[in-house]
């Protein structure tokens, strides 16, 4: 066989495999470095934070000092080192009309479609929910 025909056949097969892999999400899984889990939004209030974030620490200190976890039920999701939690943050932000890949932390999602960004507003939210003046 002619070398051109062999290279053409190999090229068509490779392109076919790439097309098939792209259509089925296979390539995304290979090149992302880890399997992509389905993004499932937890119910209720979610506090998104980043490990080492100084503004997140301000919120965390307020929560601890005022025993907010005894008064308000909420989930915490770390987003700087957890890709699946990043995807959940993006999904929450998008429900509020915020471009998900540009939002920072602390970020609070109230479970009913309201998004709160920043330490001051997150603390005020928790004060209100806990009945603190």
C-alpha atoms as a PDB file:
ATOM      1  CA  UNK A   1       0.000   0.000   0.000  1.00  0.00           C
ATOM      2  CA  UNK A   2       1.030   3.524  -0.603  1.00  0.00           C
ATOM      3  CA  UNK A   3       2.228   5.492   2.470  1.00  0.00           C
ATOM      4  CA  UNK A   4      -0.266   8.289   1.747  1.00  0.00           C
ATOM      5  CA  UNK A   5      -3.181   5.855   1.932  1.00  0.00           C
ATOM      6  CA  UNK A   6      -1.924   4.391   5.215  1.00  0.00           C
ATOM      7  CA  UNK A   7      -1.505   7.844   6.768  1.00  0.00           C
ATOM      8  CA  UNK A   8      -4.957   8.843   5.504  1.00  0.00           C
ATOM      9  CA  UNK A   9      -6.549   5.773   7.076  1.00  0.00           C
ATOM     10  CA  UNK A  10      -4.723   6.357  10.372  1.00  0.00           C
ATOM     11  CA  UNK A  11      -5.763  10.033  10.313  1.00  0.00           C
ATOM     12  CA  UNK A  12      -9.418   9.173   9.712  1.00  0.00           C
ATOM     13  CA  UNK A  13      -9.383   6.611  12.542  1.00  0.00           C
ATOM     14  CA  UNK A  14      -7.737   9.071  14.971  1.00  0.00           C
ATOM     15  CA  UNK A  15     -10.185  11.843  14.040  1.00  0.00           C
ATOM     16  CA  UNK A  16     -13.074   9.410  14.464  1.00  0.00           C
ATOM     17  CA  UNK A  17     -11.859   8.425  17.924  1.00  0.00           C
ATOM     18  CA  UNK A  18     -11.381  12.071  18.912  1.00  0.00           C
ATOM     19  CA  UNK A  19     -14.867  12.951  17.678  1.00  0.00           C
ATOM     20  CA  UNK A  20     -16.409   9.988  19.505  1.00  0.00           C
ATOM     21  CA  UNK A  21     -14.487  10.814  22.679  1.00  0.00           C
ATOM     22  CA  UNK A  22     -15.541  14.466  22.581  1.00  0.00           C
ATOM     23  CA  UNK A  23     -19.200  13.558  22.052  1.00  0.00           C
ATOM     24  CA  UNK A  24     -19.234  11.279  25.087  1.00  0.00           C
ATOM     25  CA  UNK A  25     -17.249  13.464  27.511  1.00  0.00           C
ATOM     26  CA  UNK A  26     -14.425  10.950  27.511  1.00  0.00           C
ATOM     27  CA  UNK A  27     -11.742  13.484  26.597  1.00  0.00           C
ATOM     28  CA  UNK A  28     -12.867  15.862  29.341  1.00  0.00           C
ATOM     29  CA  UNK A  29     -12.388  13.115  31.906  1.00  0.00           C
ATOM     30  CA  UNK A  30      -8.947  12.249  30.569  1.00  0.00           C
ATOM     31  CA  UNK A  31      -7.596  15.800  30.354  1.00  0.00           C
ATOM     32  CA  UNK A  32      -9.156  17.209  33.543  1.00  0.00           C
ATOM     33  CA  UNK A  33      -6.884  15.179  35.798  1.00  0.00           C
ATOM     34  CA  UNK A  34      -9.760  13.720  37.788  1.00  0.00           C
ATOM     35  CA  UNK A  35     -13.204  12.323  37.131  1.00  0.00           C
ATOM     36  CA  UNK A  36     -15.920  14.933  36.899  1.00  0.00           C
ATOM     37  CA  UNK A  37     -18.780  14.187  39.245  1.00  0.00           C
ATOM     38  CA  UNK A  38     -22.296  15.327  38.571  1.00  0.00           C
ATOM     39  CA  UNK A  39     -22.878  18.748  40.105  1.00  0.00           C
ATOM     40  CA  UNK A  40     -25.489  18.260  42.806  1.00  0.00           C
ATOM     41  CA  UNK A  41     -26.546  21.369  44.664  1.00  0.00           C
ATOM     42  CA  UNK A  42     -26.961  20.714  48.407  1.00  0.00           C
ATOM     43  CA  UNK A  43     -30.216  21.926  49.890  1.00  0.00           C
ATOM     44  CA  UNK A  44     -30.406  24.890  52.207  1.00  0.00           C
ATOM     45  CA  UNK A  45     -27.881  27.572  53.050  1.00  0.00           C
ATOM     46  CA  UNK A  46     -24.351  27.021  51.728  1.00  0.00           C
ATOM     47  CA  UNK A  47     -21.263  28.961  52.787  1.00  0.00           C
ATOM     48  CA  UNK A  48     -18.526  28.688  50.177  1.00  0.00           C
ATOM     49  CA  UNK A  49     -15.019  29.476  51.407  1.00  0.00           C
ATOM     50  CA  UNK A  50     -11.388  29.111  50.471  1.00  0.00           C
ATOM     51  CA  UNK A  51      -8.815  27.506  52.744  1.00  0.00           C
ATOM     52  CA  UNK A  52      -6.463  30.330  53.741  1.00  0.00           C
ATOM     53  CA  UNK A  53      -8.829  33.127  52.645  1.00  0.00           C
ATOM     54  CA  UNK A  54      -8.590  36.000  55.176  1.00  0.00           C
ATOM     55  CA  UNK A  55     -12.148  37.235  54.551  1.00  0.00           C
ATOM     56  CA  UNK A  56     -13.452  33.692  55.009  1.00  0.00           C
ATOM     57  CA  UNK A  57     -11.627  33.533  58.344  1.00  0.00           C
ATOM     58  CA  UNK A  58     -13.454  36.689  59.487  1.00  0.00           C
ATOM     59  CA  UNK A  59     -16.774  34.967  58.746  1.00  0.00           C
ATOM     60  CA  UNK A  60     -15.610  31.732  60.377  1.00  0.00           C
ATOM     61  CA  UNK A  61     -14.494  33.583  63.518  1.00  0.00           C
ATOM     62  CA  UNK A  62     -17.899  35.308  63.727  1.00  0.00           C
ATOM     63  CA  UNK A  63     -19.668  31.951  63.335  1.00  0.00           C
ATOM     64  CA  UNK A  64     -17.547  30.378  66.079  1.00  0.00           C
ATOM     65  CA  UNK A  65     -17.736  33.312  68.532  1.00  0.00           C
ATOM     66  CA  UNK A  66     -21.509  33.623  68.169  1.00  0.00           C
ATOM     67  CA  UNK A  67     -22.290  29.879  68.017  1.00  0.00           C
ATOM     68  CA  UNK A  68     -24.104  30.398  64.736  1.00  0.00           C
ATOM     69  CA  UNK A  69     -24.009  26.693  63.900  1.00  0.00           C
ATOM     70  CA  UNK A  70     -26.259  26.070  66.928  1.00  0.00           C
ATOM     71  CA  UNK A  71     -28.779  28.618  65.610  1.00  0.00           C
ATOM     72  CA  UNK A  72     -28.633  28.336  61.807  1.00  0.00           C
ATOM     73  CA  UNK A  73     -28.418  25.161  59.748  1.00  0.00           C
ATOM     74  CA  UNK A  74     -25.990  25.510  56.835  1.00  0.00           C
ATOM     75  CA  UNK A  75     -23.349  23.640  54.860  1.00  0.00           C
ATOM     76  CA  UNK A  76     -19.745  24.688  54.259  1.00  0.00           C
ATOM     77  CA  UNK A  77     -17.973  23.924  51.009  1.00  0.00           C
ATOM     78  CA  UNK A  78     -14.264  24.626  50.442  1.00  0.00           C
ATOM     79  CA  UNK A  79     -13.712  25.727  46.833  1.00  0.00           C
ATOM     80  CA  UNK A  80     -10.020  26.564  46.385  1.00  0.00           C
ATOM     81  CA  UNK A  81      -8.824  22.955  46.582  1.00  0.00           C
ATOM     82  CA  UNK A  82     -11.986  21.037  45.679  1.00  0.00           C
ATOM     83  CA  UNK A  83     -13.000  21.117  42.006  1.00  0.00           C
ATOM     84  CA  UNK A  84     -16.435  19.589  42.578  1.00  0.00           C
ATOM     85  CA  UNK A  85     -17.225  22.271  45.171  1.00  0.00           C
ATOM     86  CA  UNK A  86     -16.025  24.907  42.672  1.00  0.00           C
ATOM     87  CA  UNK A  87     -18.575  23.582  40.204  1.00  0.00           C
ATOM     88  CA  UNK A  88     -21.311  23.780  42.834  1.00  0.00           C
ATOM     89  CA  UNK A  89     -20.293  27.396  43.574  1.00  0.00           C
ATOM     90  CA  UNK A  90     -20.484  28.228  39.876  1.00  0.00           C
ATOM     91  CA  UNK A  91     -23.934  26.667  39.657  1.00  0.00           C
ATOM     92  CA  UNK A  92     -25.149  28.600  42.721  1.00  0.00           C
ATOM     93  CA  UNK A  93     -23.765  31.877  41.376  1.00  0.00           C
ATOM     94  CA  UNK A  94     -25.400  31.328  38.013  1.00  0.00           C
ATOM     95  CA  UNK A  95     -28.815  30.913  39.686  1.00  0.00           C
ATOM     96  CA  UNK A  96     -28.347  34.513  40.852  1.00  0.00           C
ATOM     97  CA  UNK A  97     -27.292  35.741  37.431  1.00  0.00           C
ATOM     98  CA  UNK A  98     -23.611  35.946  38.390  1.00  0.00           C
ATOM     99  CA  UNK A  99     -21.010  34.500  36.034  1.00  0.00           C
ATOM    100  CA  UNK A 100     -19.906  31.507  38.093  1.00  0.00           C
ATOM    101  CA  UNK A 101     -16.257  31.390  37.105  1.00  0.00           C
ATOM    102  CA  UNK A 102     -15.615  34.974  38.271  1.00  0.00           C
ATOM    103  CA  UNK A 103     -17.123  34.902  41.761  1.00  0.00           C
ATOM    104  CA  UNK A 104     -14.952  35.013  44.881  1.00  0.00           C
ATOM    105  CA  UNK A 105     -15.292  33.872  48.473  1.00  0.00           C
ATOM    106  CA  UNK A 106     -16.753  34.096  50.988  1.00  0.00           C
ATOM    107  CA  UNK A 107     -19.908  33.452  49.023  1.00  0.00           C
ATOM    108  CA  UNK A 108     -23.166  32.522  50.656  1.00  0.00           C
ATOM    109  CA  UNK A 109     -26.128  30.946  48.885  1.00  0.00           C
ATOM    110  CA  UNK A 110     -29.349  31.109  50.905  1.00  0.00           C
ATOM    111  CA  UNK A 111     -30.968  28.066  49.287  1.00  0.00           C
ATOM    112  CA  UNK A 112     -33.796  30.159  47.848  1.00  0.00           C
ATOM    113  CA  UNK A 113     -31.961  31.856  44.996  1.00  0.00           C
ATOM    114  CA  UNK A 114     -30.264  34.717  46.847  1.00  0.00           C
ATOM    115  CA  UNK A 115     -26.484  35.111  46.698  1.00  0.00           C
ATOM    116  CA  UNK A 116     -24.419  37.047  49.234  1.00  0.00           C
ATOM    117  CA  UNK A 117     -20.816  37.965  48.516  1.00  0.00           C
ATOM    118  CA  UNK A 118     -18.196  39.169  51.002  1.00  0.00           C
ATOM    119  CA  UNK A 119     -17.529  38.880  54.701  1.00  0.00           C
ATOM    120  CA  UNK A 120     -19.630  41.862  55.875  1.00  0.00           C
ATOM    121  CA  UNK A 121     -22.760  40.786  54.008  1.00  0.00           C
ATOM    122  CA  UNK A 122     -22.329  37.123  55.008  1.00  0.00           C
ATOM    123  CA  UNK A 123     -21.998  38.115  58.675  1.00  0.00           C
ATOM    124  CA  UNK A 124     -25.069  40.350  58.409  1.00  0.00           C
ATOM    125  CA  UNK A 125     -26.989  37.446  56.865  1.00  0.00           C
ATOM    126  CA  UNK A 126     -26.027  35.148  59.737  1.00  0.00           C
ATOM    127  CA  UNK A 127     -26.874  37.849  62.306  1.00  0.00           C
ATOM    128  CA  UNK A 128     -30.330  38.166  60.799  1.00  0.00           C
ATOM    129  CA  UNK A 129     -30.886  34.400  60.575  1.00  0.00           C
ATOM    130  CA  UNK A 130     -29.683  33.862  64.179  1.00  0.00           C
ATOM    131  CA  UNK A 131     -31.631  36.823  65.562  1.00  0.00           C
ATOM    132  CA  UNK A 132     -28.535  38.711  66.676  1.00  0.00           C
ATOM    133  CA  UNK A 133     -28.743  42.525  66.889  1.00  0.00           C
END
